[in-house]
Amino acid sequence: MLFVFDTSTLIAIRQYYLRSSGLFKHFWGWLLGLMRSERIIVPDAAFLELQGKKRSDRDNESESADQQVDKDGSADQQAEKDEFFGILVAEKITPRLPDAAISRQYDLIEELLASVKHDLSEEDQEIMATAKALGATLVTEESPQKNLPKKGSRKPYKMPGACKLPGIDLKCLNLWEFLKEATEGRRCIPNELL
């Protein structure tokens, strides 16, 4: 199963599973392994948000996030903007750049969202488009919307609610639900990861 991580999920991981503490060494090994094997996808839009940039900034720059590691493998100064971004760069986890399939899904999602009030940024829409194009599950820490706004409502759609819209139809989990689903059926043998 493929998972696409929203920026809010990356931030939650950074906050709750401190890599520097050493307590979550196995968790980080497992997580980065899933990223290297591309079972967890980090869209370029999430890389940009971790750097405090917008999608439009990418279009104006010639260098993408996967080019920010120099020849000897050390992270460039951009990595200091966010600890998680620094980890991704240091571990050579590259972002999923938008391709034709993602661009088509982005246009479709943008069109579907035009008829409803929403709080989704261009980056959120690109993250959703990446999940849709790959047939992946979206993982976000945005609050789920159990009661979707009615047509003409002032209440805006958030990412989990927008995922339920006809035509988008994306499975959406939070970090805890992802951890349960990704490890379902897995039994940990003592010291198996040491």
N, C-alpha and C. Protein backbone atom coordinates (compact mmCIF):
# COMPACT_ATOMS: atom_id res chain seq x y z
N MET A 1 0.84 -1.18 0.00
CA MET A 1 0.00 0.00 0.00
C MET A 1 0.89 1.25 0.00
N LEU A 2 0.48 2.23 -0.77
CA LEU A 2 1.20 3.51 -0.86
C LEU A 2 0.53 4.55 0.02
N PHE A 3 1.35 5.41 0.61
CA PHE A 3 0.85 6.51 1.43
C PHE A 3 1.52 7.80 0.97
N VAL A 4 0.75 8.87 0.90
CA VAL A 4 1.27 10.20 0.60
C VAL A 4 1.12 11.03 1.86
N PHE A 5 2.23 11.61 2.32
CA PHE A 5 2.23 12.39 3.56
C PHE A 5 2.04 13.88 3.28
N ASP A 6 1.09 14.46 4.00
CA ASP A 6 0.87 15.90 4.01
C ASP A 6 1.92 16.53 4.94
N THR A 7 2.16 17.80 4.77
CA THR A 7 3.14 18.51 5.60
C THR A 7 2.79 18.42 7.08
N SER A 8 1.50 18.48 7.41
CA SER A 8 1.09 18.43 8.82
C SER A 8 1.52 17.11 9.47
N THR A 9 1.54 16.04 8.72
CA THR A 9 1.98 14.74 9.24
C THR A 9 3.48 14.75 9.51
N LEU A 10 4.24 15.32 8.58
CA LEU A 10 5.70 15.40 8.77
C LEU A 10 6.02 16.24 10.01
N ILE A 11 5.29 17.32 10.21
CA ILE A 11 5.51 18.18 11.38
C ILE A 11 5.14 17.43 12.66
N ALA A 12 4.03 16.68 12.65
CA ALA A 12 3.63 15.91 13.83
C ALA A 12 4.68 14.87 14.18
N ILE A 13 5.23 14.20 13.18
CA ILE A 13 6.28 13.21 13.43
C ILE A 13 7.49 13.88 14.06
N ARG A 14 7.88 15.01 13.52
CA ARG A 14 9.02 15.75 14.06
C ARG A 14 8.79 16.13 15.53
N GLN A 15 7.56 16.55 15.85
CA GLN A 15 7.26 17.00 17.21
C GLN A 15 7.14 15.86 18.21
N TYR A 16 6.53 14.75 17.81
CA TYR A 16 6.23 13.68 18.76
C TYR A 16 7.24 12.55 18.81
N TYR A 17 8.02 12.38 17.76
CA TYR A 17 8.98 11.28 17.70
C TYR A 17 10.38 11.84 17.50
N LEU A 18 10.87 12.53 18.51
CA LEU A 18 12.15 13.23 18.43
C LEU A 18 13.27 12.29 18.01
N ARG A 19 13.83 12.55 16.85
CA ARG A 19 14.91 11.71 16.35
C ARG A 19 16.16 11.88 17.20
N SER A 20 16.41 13.11 17.62
CA SER A 20 17.63 13.41 18.37
C SER A 20 17.68 12.74 19.74
N SER A 21 16.51 12.34 20.28
CA SER A 21 16.49 11.73 21.61
C SER A 21 17.05 10.31 21.59
N GLY A 22 17.02 9.65 20.44
CA GLY A 22 17.49 8.27 20.35
C GLY A 22 16.44 7.26 20.79
N LEU A 23 15.36 7.71 21.43
CA LEU A 23 14.31 6.80 21.90
C LEU A 23 13.54 6.15 20.77
N PHE A 24 13.47 6.83 19.65
CA PHE A 24 12.65 6.34 18.54
C PHE A 24 13.50 5.89 17.36
N LYS A 25 14.68 5.37 17.64
CA LYS A 25 15.63 4.96 16.61
C LYS A 25 15.00 3.95 15.63
N HIS A 26 14.30 2.97 16.14
CA HIS A 26 13.70 1.95 15.30
C HIS A 26 12.56 2.52 14.47
N PHE A 27 11.77 3.40 15.10
CA PHE A 27 10.69 4.06 14.37
C PHE A 27 11.24 4.83 13.18
N TRP A 28 12.30 5.61 13.41
CA TRP A 28 12.89 6.42 12.34
C TRP A 28 13.50 5.53 11.26
N GLY A 29 14.12 4.43 11.64
CA GLY A 29 14.67 3.50 10.65
C GLY A 29 13.56 2.93 9.77
N TRP A 30 12.46 2.54 10.42
CA TRP A 30 11.31 1.99 9.71
C TRP A 30 10.70 3.04 8.78
N LEU A 31 10.47 4.24 9.29
CA LEU A 31 9.85 5.32 8.53
C LEU A 31 10.70 5.71 7.32
N LEU A 32 11.99 5.93 7.54
CA LEU A 32 12.87 6.32 6.43
C LEU A 32 13.02 5.19 5.42
N GLY A 33 12.97 3.94 5.90
CA GLY A 33 12.99 2.80 4.99
C GLY A 33 11.77 2.79 4.07
N LEU A 34 10.60 3.10 4.64
CA LEU A 34 9.38 3.18 3.81
C LEU A 34 9.47 4.32 2.81
N MET A 35 10.12 5.41 3.20
CA MET A 35 10.30 6.54 2.28
C MET A 35 11.28 6.18 1.17
N ARG A 36 12.38 5.53 1.52
CA ARG A 36 13.37 5.13 0.51
C ARG A 36 12.78 4.14 -0.50
N SER A 37 11.94 3.24 0.00
CA SER A 37 11.32 2.24 -0.89
C SER A 37 10.09 2.81 -1.61
N GLU A 38 9.80 4.06 -1.36
CA GLU A 38 8.68 4.78 -1.97
C GLU A 38 7.32 4.19 -1.64
N ARG A 39 7.21 3.59 -0.46
CA ARG A 39 5.89 3.21 0.04
C ARG A 39 5.25 4.40 0.73
N ILE A 40 6.10 5.32 1.22
CA ILE A 40 5.65 6.62 1.70
C ILE A 40 6.21 7.64 0.71
N ILE A 41 5.31 8.43 0.16
CA ILE A 41 5.68 9.46 -0.81
C ILE A 41 5.59 10.82 -0.13
N VAL A 42 6.63 11.62 -0.30
CA VAL A 42 6.61 13.01 0.18
C VAL A 42 6.56 13.89 -1.07
N PRO A 43 5.39 14.50 -1.33
CA PRO A 43 5.28 15.35 -2.52
C PRO A 43 6.18 16.58 -2.43
N ASP A 44 6.56 17.09 -3.59
CA ASP A 44 7.38 18.30 -3.64
C ASP A 44 6.70 19.45 -2.91
N ALA A 45 5.37 19.52 -2.97
CA ALA A 45 4.65 20.60 -2.28
C ALA A 45 4.90 20.55 -0.77
N ALA A 46 5.02 19.34 -0.20
CA ALA A 46 5.32 19.21 1.23
C ALA A 46 6.75 19.67 1.52
N PHE A 47 7.69 19.31 0.64
CA PHE A 47 9.07 19.79 0.79
C PHE A 47 9.08 21.32 0.81
N LEU A 48 8.33 21.92 -0.12
CA LEU A 48 8.28 23.38 -0.20
C LEU A 48 7.72 23.98 1.08
N GLU A 49 6.61 23.42 1.58
CA GLU A 49 5.99 23.95 2.80
C GLU A 49 6.92 23.83 4.00
N LEU A 50 7.70 22.75 4.08
CA LEU A 50 8.66 22.61 5.18
C LEU A 50 9.72 23.71 5.14
N GLN A 51 9.96 24.25 3.95
CA GLN A 51 10.94 25.32 3.79
C GLN A 51 10.30 26.70 3.89
N GLY A 52 8.99 26.74 4.14
CA GLY A 52 8.29 28.02 4.20
C GLY A 52 8.07 28.62 2.82
N LYS A 53 8.06 27.76 1.79
CA LYS A 53 7.87 28.24 0.42
C LYS A 53 6.50 27.83 -0.10
N LYS A 54 6.13 28.41 -1.22
CA LYS A 54 4.87 28.10 -1.88
C LYS A 54 5.14 27.45 -3.23
N ARG A 55 4.10 26.87 -3.78
CA ARG A 55 4.18 26.20 -5.08
C ARG A 55 4.67 27.17 -6.16
N SER A 56 4.23 28.41 -6.08
CA SER A 56 4.64 29.41 -7.07
C SER A 56 6.14 29.69 -6.99
N ASP A 57 6.74 29.53 -5.78
CA ASP A 57 8.18 29.73 -5.64
C ASP A 57 8.95 28.69 -6.45
N ARG A 58 8.42 27.46 -6.48
CA ARG A 58 9.08 26.38 -7.23
C ARG A 58 9.14 26.74 -8.71
N ASP A 59 8.06 27.30 -9.20
CA ASP A 59 8.01 27.65 -10.61
C ASP A 59 9.01 28.75 -10.96
N ASN A 60 9.39 29.55 -9.95
CA ASN A 60 10.32 30.65 -10.18
C ASN A 60 11.78 30.27 -9.92
N GLU A 61 12.01 29.09 -9.38
CA GLU A 61 13.38 28.67 -9.07
C GLU A 61 13.84 27.62 -10.06
N SER A 62 15.11 27.60 -10.31
CA SER A 62 15.64 26.58 -11.22
C SER A 62 16.07 25.33 -10.47
N GLU A 63 16.21 25.43 -9.14
CA GLU A 63 16.71 24.30 -8.36
C GLU A 63 15.58 23.70 -7.54
N SER A 64 15.34 22.40 -7.65
CA SER A 64 14.30 21.74 -6.87
C SER A 64 14.91 21.14 -5.61
N ALA A 65 14.04 20.70 -4.70
CA ALA A 65 14.50 20.19 -3.40
C ALA A 65 15.42 19.00 -3.54
N ASP A 66 15.27 18.19 -4.58
CA ASP A 66 16.13 17.02 -4.70
C ASP A 66 17.52 17.38 -5.20
N GLN A 67 17.76 18.62 -5.56
CA GLN A 67 19.07 19.06 -6.00
C GLN A 67 19.82 19.79 -4.90
N GLN A 68 19.29 19.78 -3.68
CA GLN A 68 19.87 20.57 -2.61
C GLN A 68 20.85 19.78 -1.76
N VAL A 69 21.33 18.68 -2.25
CA VAL A 69 22.38 17.93 -1.57
C VAL A 69 23.61 18.04 -2.47
N ASP A 70 24.72 18.52 -1.90
CA ASP A 70 25.90 18.68 -2.75
C ASP A 70 26.63 17.36 -2.92
N LYS A 71 27.73 17.39 -3.65
CA LYS A 71 28.42 16.15 -4.06
C LYS A 71 28.87 15.28 -2.90
N ASP A 72 29.27 15.87 -1.77
CA ASP A 72 29.72 15.02 -0.66
C ASP A 72 28.57 14.58 0.25
N GLY A 73 27.33 14.93 -0.13
CA GLY A 73 26.17 14.45 0.60
C GLY A 73 25.73 15.32 1.76
N SER A 74 26.39 16.44 2.01
CA SER A 74 25.97 17.28 3.13
C SER A 74 24.81 18.16 2.70
N ALA A 75 23.91 18.43 3.63
CA ALA A 75 22.73 19.23 3.32
C ALA A 75 23.10 20.69 3.17
N ASP A 76 22.43 21.35 2.29
CA ASP A 76 22.69 22.76 2.06
C ASP A 76 22.01 23.59 3.16
N GLN A 77 22.24 24.88 3.18
CA GLN A 77 21.73 25.73 4.26
C GLN A 77 20.21 25.74 4.34
N GLN A 78 19.51 25.41 3.25
CA GLN A 78 18.05 25.36 3.28
C GLN A 78 17.57 24.37 4.34
N ALA A 79 18.34 23.33 4.58
CA ALA A 79 17.92 22.26 5.50
C ALA A 79 17.73 22.78 6.91
N GLU A 80 18.35 23.90 7.24
CA GLU A 80 18.22 24.43 8.59
C GLU A 80 16.86 25.07 8.84
N LYS A 81 16.06 25.31 7.81
CA LYS A 81 14.77 25.96 7.97
C LYS A 81 13.79 25.08 8.75
N ASP A 82 13.85 23.78 8.57
CA ASP A 82 12.98 22.86 9.29
C ASP A 82 13.76 21.59 9.54
N GLU A 83 13.71 21.11 10.78
CA GLU A 83 14.48 19.92 11.14
C GLU A 83 14.11 18.72 10.27
N PHE A 84 12.82 18.53 10.00
CA PHE A 84 12.42 17.38 9.20
C PHE A 84 12.92 17.51 7.78
N PHE A 85 12.89 18.72 7.22
CA PHE A 85 13.43 18.92 5.88
C PHE A 85 14.91 18.55 5.87
N GLY A 86 15.63 18.95 6.91
CA GLY A 86 17.06 18.61 7.02
C GLY A 86 17.29 17.12 7.05
N ILE A 87 16.42 16.39 7.76
CA ILE A 87 16.54 14.93 7.82
C ILE A 87 16.30 14.33 6.43
N LEU A 88 15.27 14.80 5.75
CA LEU A 88 14.97 14.27 4.41
C LEU A 88 16.12 14.51 3.45
N VAL A 89 16.70 15.71 3.51
CA VAL A 89 17.83 16.02 2.62
C VAL A 89 19.04 15.17 2.98
N ALA A 90 19.35 15.08 4.28
CA ALA A 90 20.52 14.30 4.72
C ALA A 90 20.37 12.82 4.37
N GLU A 91 19.15 12.30 4.46
CA GLU A 91 18.90 10.89 4.16
C GLU A 91 18.65 10.64 2.67
N LYS A 92 18.77 11.70 1.88
CA LYS A 92 18.59 11.62 0.41
C LYS A 92 17.21 11.10 0.02
N ILE A 93 16.19 11.51 0.79
CA ILE A 93 14.80 11.23 0.43
C ILE A 93 14.39 12.33 -0.54
N THR A 94 14.06 11.96 -1.75
CA THR A 94 13.72 12.97 -2.75
C THR A 94 12.21 13.15 -2.85
N PRO A 95 11.77 14.36 -3.16
CA PRO A 95 10.33 14.60 -3.27
C PRO A 95 9.78 14.02 -4.57
N ARG A 96 8.48 13.76 -4.56
CA ARG A 96 7.80 13.34 -5.79
C ARG A 96 7.41 14.63 -6.51
N LEU A 97 8.09 14.89 -7.60
CA LEU A 97 7.81 16.08 -8.40
C LEU A 97 6.54 15.86 -9.22
N PRO A 98 5.80 16.94 -9.48
CA PRO A 98 4.59 16.79 -10.29
C PRO A 98 4.93 16.32 -11.70
N ASP A 99 4.21 15.32 -12.17
CA ASP A 99 4.36 14.86 -13.55
C ASP A 99 3.03 15.08 -14.26
N ALA A 100 2.88 14.56 -15.45
CA ALA A 100 1.65 14.79 -16.22
C ALA A 100 0.42 14.24 -15.50
N ALA A 101 0.54 13.05 -14.89
CA ALA A 101 -0.60 12.45 -14.20
C ALA A 101 -1.00 13.28 -12.98
N ILE A 102 -0.02 13.75 -12.23
CA ILE A 102 -0.31 14.59 -11.06
C ILE A 102 -0.92 15.92 -11.51
N SER A 103 -0.39 16.49 -12.57
CA SER A 103 -0.93 17.75 -13.10
C SER A 103 -2.38 17.60 -13.55
N ARG A 104 -2.71 16.48 -14.20
CA ARG A 104 -4.10 16.22 -14.60
C ARG A 104 -5.01 16.13 -13.38
N GLN A 105 -4.55 15.41 -12.35
CA GLN A 105 -5.36 15.29 -11.13
C GLN A 105 -5.49 16.64 -10.42
N TYR A 106 -4.43 17.43 -10.44
CA TYR A 106 -4.48 18.77 -9.84
C TYR A 106 -5.56 19.60 -10.52
N ASP A 107 -5.59 19.59 -11.85
CA ASP A 107 -6.59 20.35 -12.59
C ASP A 107 -8.00 19.86 -12.27
N LEU A 108 -8.17 18.54 -12.17
CA LEU A 108 -9.47 17.97 -11.85
C LEU A 108 -9.91 18.39 -10.44
N ILE A 109 -9.01 18.28 -9.48
CA ILE A 109 -9.32 18.66 -8.09
C ILE A 109 -9.64 20.14 -8.01
N GLU A 110 -8.87 20.96 -8.69
CA GLU A 110 -9.12 22.41 -8.70
C GLU A 110 -10.51 22.71 -9.26
N GLU A 111 -10.87 22.00 -10.32
CA GLU A 111 -12.19 22.18 -10.94
C GLU A 111 -13.31 21.76 -9.98
N LEU A 112 -13.14 20.61 -9.32
CA LEU A 112 -14.15 20.12 -8.39
C LEU A 112 -14.30 21.04 -7.18
N LEU A 113 -13.19 21.62 -6.73
CA LEU A 113 -13.24 22.50 -5.55
C LEU A 113 -13.78 23.88 -5.88
N ALA A 114 -13.82 24.23 -7.16
CA ALA A 114 -14.31 25.56 -7.55
C ALA A 114 -15.77 25.77 -7.17
N SER A 115 -16.52 24.68 -7.03
CA SER A 115 -17.95 24.80 -6.73
C SER A 115 -18.26 24.80 -5.23
N VAL A 116 -17.24 24.66 -4.38
CA VAL A 116 -17.46 24.63 -2.93
C VAL A 116 -16.51 25.60 -2.24
N LYS A 117 -16.90 26.05 -1.06
CA LYS A 117 -16.02 26.89 -0.25
C LYS A 117 -14.99 25.97 0.40
N HIS A 118 -13.71 26.36 0.33
CA HIS A 118 -12.67 25.52 0.92
C HIS A 118 -11.51 26.37 1.41
N ASP A 119 -10.71 25.77 2.29
CA ASP A 119 -9.51 26.42 2.84
C ASP A 119 -8.25 25.75 2.32
N LEU A 120 -8.29 25.15 1.17
CA LEU A 120 -7.15 24.39 0.66
C LEU A 120 -6.21 25.28 -0.15
N SER A 121 -4.95 25.23 0.20
CA SER A 121 -3.94 25.97 -0.55
C SER A 121 -3.61 25.22 -1.83
N GLU A 122 -2.85 25.85 -2.71
CA GLU A 122 -2.38 25.16 -3.91
C GLU A 122 -1.53 23.95 -3.53
N GLU A 123 -0.76 24.10 -2.45
CA GLU A 123 0.10 23.00 -1.99
C GLU A 123 -0.75 21.82 -1.52
N ASP A 124 -1.83 22.10 -0.76
CA ASP A 124 -2.74 21.04 -0.32
C ASP A 124 -3.33 20.31 -1.52
N GLN A 125 -3.75 21.08 -2.52
CA GLN A 125 -4.34 20.48 -3.71
C GLN A 125 -3.33 19.61 -4.46
N GLU A 126 -2.07 20.06 -4.50
CA GLU A 126 -1.04 19.26 -5.18
C GLU A 126 -0.76 17.97 -4.40
N ILE A 127 -0.78 18.05 -3.08
CA ILE A 127 -0.58 16.85 -2.25
C ILE A 127 -1.72 15.85 -2.50
N MET A 128 -2.95 16.36 -2.54
CA MET A 128 -4.10 15.50 -2.84
C MET A 128 -3.98 14.92 -4.25
N ALA A 129 -3.55 15.73 -5.21
CA ALA A 129 -3.40 15.27 -6.60
C ALA A 129 -2.35 14.18 -6.70
N THR A 130 -1.29 14.30 -5.91
CA THR A 130 -0.24 13.27 -5.90
C THR A 130 -0.82 11.94 -5.42
N ALA A 131 -1.58 11.99 -4.32
CA ALA A 131 -2.21 10.77 -3.79
C ALA A 131 -3.18 10.17 -4.81
N LYS A 132 -3.98 11.02 -5.41
CA LYS A 132 -4.97 10.55 -6.39
C LYS A 132 -4.29 9.91 -7.60
N ALA A 133 -3.26 10.57 -8.13
CA ALA A 133 -2.56 10.05 -9.32
C ALA A 133 -1.88 8.72 -9.05
N LEU A 134 -1.41 8.52 -7.81
CA LEU A 134 -0.70 7.29 -7.46
C LEU A 134 -1.61 6.20 -6.90
N GLY A 135 -2.89 6.53 -6.69
CA GLY A 135 -3.80 5.57 -6.07
C GLY A 135 -3.42 5.29 -4.63
N ALA A 136 -2.90 6.31 -3.96
CA ALA A 136 -2.38 6.17 -2.59
C ALA A 136 -3.37 6.69 -1.56
N THR A 137 -3.11 6.36 -0.31
CA THR A 137 -3.86 6.88 0.82
C THR A 137 -3.18 8.16 1.29
N LEU A 138 -3.96 9.20 1.53
CA LEU A 138 -3.43 10.47 2.01
C LEU A 138 -3.37 10.45 3.53
N VAL A 139 -2.24 10.86 4.10
CA VAL A 139 -2.08 10.91 5.55
C VAL A 139 -1.89 12.37 5.94
N THR A 140 -2.83 12.89 6.75
CA THR A 140 -2.81 14.29 7.17
C THR A 140 -3.24 14.40 8.62
N GLU A 141 -2.76 15.42 9.28
CA GLU A 141 -3.17 15.67 10.66
C GLU A 141 -4.29 16.70 10.74
N GLU A 142 -4.81 17.14 9.61
CA GLU A 142 -5.95 18.05 9.64
C GLU A 142 -7.14 17.32 10.24
N SER A 143 -7.94 18.06 10.99
CA SER A 143 -9.10 17.46 11.66
C SER A 143 -10.09 16.91 10.64
N PRO A 144 -10.57 15.69 10.90
CA PRO A 144 -11.54 15.11 9.96
C PRO A 144 -12.86 15.89 10.02
N GLN A 145 -13.55 15.92 8.91
CA GLN A 145 -14.86 16.56 8.86
C GLN A 145 -15.90 15.46 8.75
N LYS A 146 -16.48 15.13 9.88
CA LYS A 146 -17.49 14.07 9.88
C LYS A 146 -18.77 14.57 9.19
N ASN A 147 -19.15 15.81 9.47
CA ASN A 147 -20.31 16.41 8.83
C ASN A 147 -19.83 17.39 7.77
N LEU A 148 -19.93 16.99 6.53
CA LEU A 148 -19.45 17.83 5.44
C LEU A 148 -20.35 19.05 5.28
N PRO A 149 -19.76 20.18 4.91
CA PRO A 149 -20.57 21.40 4.70
C PRO A 149 -21.62 21.17 3.61
N LYS A 150 -22.79 21.73 3.83
CA LYS A 150 -23.86 21.66 2.83
C LYS A 150 -23.55 22.63 1.69
N LYS A 151 -24.12 22.38 0.55
CA LYS A 151 -23.92 23.26 -0.61
C LYS A 151 -24.38 24.67 -0.24
N GLY A 152 -23.56 25.66 -0.51
CA GLY A 152 -23.87 27.05 -0.19
C GLY A 152 -23.52 27.43 1.23
N SER A 153 -23.00 26.48 2.02
CA SER A 153 -22.63 26.74 3.41
C SER A 153 -21.42 27.67 3.49
N ARG A 154 -21.34 28.41 4.59
CA ARG A 154 -20.17 29.26 4.82
C ARG A 154 -19.01 28.46 5.39
N LYS A 155 -19.32 27.29 5.90
CA LYS A 155 -18.28 26.45 6.48
C LYS A 155 -17.42 25.86 5.36
N PRO A 156 -16.09 26.06 5.41
CA PRO A 156 -15.25 25.59 4.32
C PRO A 156 -14.86 24.11 4.46
N TYR A 157 -14.59 23.50 3.33
CA TYR A 157 -14.03 22.16 3.31
C TYR A 157 -12.56 22.24 3.70
N LYS A 158 -12.13 21.28 4.49
CA LYS A 158 -10.71 21.11 4.79
C LYS A 158 -10.26 19.87 4.02
N MET A 159 -8.99 19.55 4.09
CA MET A 159 -8.47 18.45 3.28
C MET A 159 -9.22 17.13 3.48
N PRO A 160 -9.45 16.66 4.73
CA PRO A 160 -10.16 15.38 4.88
C PRO A 160 -11.57 15.41 4.31
N GLY A 161 -12.26 16.54 4.44
CA GLY A 161 -13.60 16.66 3.87
C GLY A 161 -13.57 16.68 2.36
N ALA A 162 -12.62 17.42 1.80
CA ALA A 162 -12.49 17.50 0.34
C ALA A 162 -12.15 16.14 -0.26
N CYS A 163 -11.44 15.31 0.49
CA CYS A 163 -11.11 13.96 0.00
C CYS A 163 -12.36 13.11 -0.23
N LYS A 164 -13.46 13.46 0.46
CA LYS A 164 -14.70 12.69 0.34
C LYS A 164 -15.59 13.16 -0.81
N LEU A 165 -15.24 14.28 -1.44
CA LEU A 165 -16.07 14.81 -2.52
C LEU A 165 -16.12 13.83 -3.69
N PRO A 166 -17.30 13.68 -4.31
CA PRO A 166 -17.39 12.83 -5.50
C PRO A 166 -16.41 13.33 -6.57
N GLY A 167 -15.69 12.40 -7.15
CA GLY A 167 -14.69 12.75 -8.14
C GLY A 167 -13.30 12.81 -7.55
N ILE A 168 -13.21 13.10 -6.25
CA ILE A 168 -11.91 13.07 -5.58
C ILE A 168 -11.75 11.72 -4.90
N ASP A 169 -12.68 11.37 -4.01
CA ASP A 169 -12.76 10.03 -3.42
C ASP A 169 -11.41 9.46 -2.99
N LEU A 170 -10.73 10.17 -2.11
CA LEU A 170 -9.43 9.71 -1.60
C LEU A 170 -9.59 9.15 -0.19
N LYS A 171 -8.94 8.04 0.08
CA LYS A 171 -8.88 7.54 1.45
C LYS A 171 -7.94 8.45 2.22
N CYS A 172 -8.37 8.87 3.40
CA CYS A 172 -7.61 9.85 4.19
C CYS A 172 -7.50 9.34 5.63
N LEU A 173 -6.27 9.27 6.14
CA LEU A 173 -6.01 8.81 7.51
C LEU A 173 -5.21 9.87 8.25
N ASN A 174 -5.27 9.80 9.59
CA ASN A 174 -4.34 10.61 10.37
C ASN A 174 -3.13 9.74 10.72
N LEU A 175 -2.15 10.31 11.40
CA LEU A 175 -0.91 9.59 11.69
C LEU A 175 -1.17 8.31 12.49
N TRP A 176 -2.00 8.39 13.50
CA TRP A 176 -2.29 7.23 14.34
C TRP A 176 -2.94 6.11 13.51
N GLU A 177 -3.91 6.48 12.66
CA GLU A 177 -4.56 5.48 11.81
C GLU A 177 -3.57 4.88 10.81
N PHE A 178 -2.66 5.73 10.29
CA PHE A 178 -1.62 5.23 9.39
C PHE A 178 -0.75 4.20 10.10
N LEU A 179 -0.31 4.52 11.33
CA LEU A 179 0.56 3.60 12.07
C LEU A 179 -0.13 2.25 12.28
N LYS A 180 -1.43 2.29 12.62
CA LYS A 180 -2.17 1.04 12.80
C LYS A 180 -2.28 0.26 11.49
N GLU A 181 -2.60 0.96 10.41
CA GLU A 181 -2.78 0.28 9.12
C GLU A 181 -1.45 -0.24 8.56
N ALA A 182 -0.41 0.55 8.66
CA ALA A 182 0.89 0.17 8.09
C ALA A 182 1.54 -0.99 8.83
N THR A 183 1.18 -1.15 10.10
CA THR A 183 1.79 -2.22 10.90
C THR A 183 0.84 -3.38 11.15
N GLU A 184 -0.35 -3.33 10.55
CA GLU A 184 -1.34 -4.39 10.76
C GLU A 184 -0.75 -5.75 10.37
N GLY A 185 -0.90 -6.70 11.25
CA GLY A 185 -0.39 -8.05 11.00
C GLY A 185 1.10 -8.20 11.25
N ARG A 186 1.75 -7.13 11.59
CA ARG A 186 3.20 -7.18 11.85
C ARG A 186 3.41 -7.49 13.33
N ARG A 187 4.23 -8.45 13.59
CA ARG A 187 4.56 -8.83 14.96
C ARG A 187 6.02 -8.47 15.19
N CYS A 188 6.29 -7.76 16.24
CA CYS A 188 7.66 -7.35 16.54
C CYS A 188 8.33 -8.42 17.41
N ILE A 189 9.41 -8.95 16.91
CA ILE A 189 10.21 -9.92 17.66
C ILE A 189 11.26 -9.12 18.42
N PRO A 190 11.44 -9.36 19.72
CA PRO A 190 12.42 -8.58 20.47
C PRO A 190 13.77 -8.55 19.76
N ASN A 191 14.35 -7.38 19.70
CA ASN A 191 15.67 -7.14 19.11
C ASN A 191 15.75 -7.40 17.61
N GLU A 192 14.61 -7.56 16.92
CA GLU A 192 14.66 -7.85 15.49
C GLU A 192 15.24 -6.69 14.69
N LEU A 193 15.14 -5.50 15.20
CA LEU A 193 15.63 -4.35 14.45
C LEU A 193 17.00 -3.88 14.90
N LEU A 194 17.57 -4.51 15.90
CA LEU A 194 18.87 -4.06 16.41
C LEU A 194 20.01 -4.47 15.51
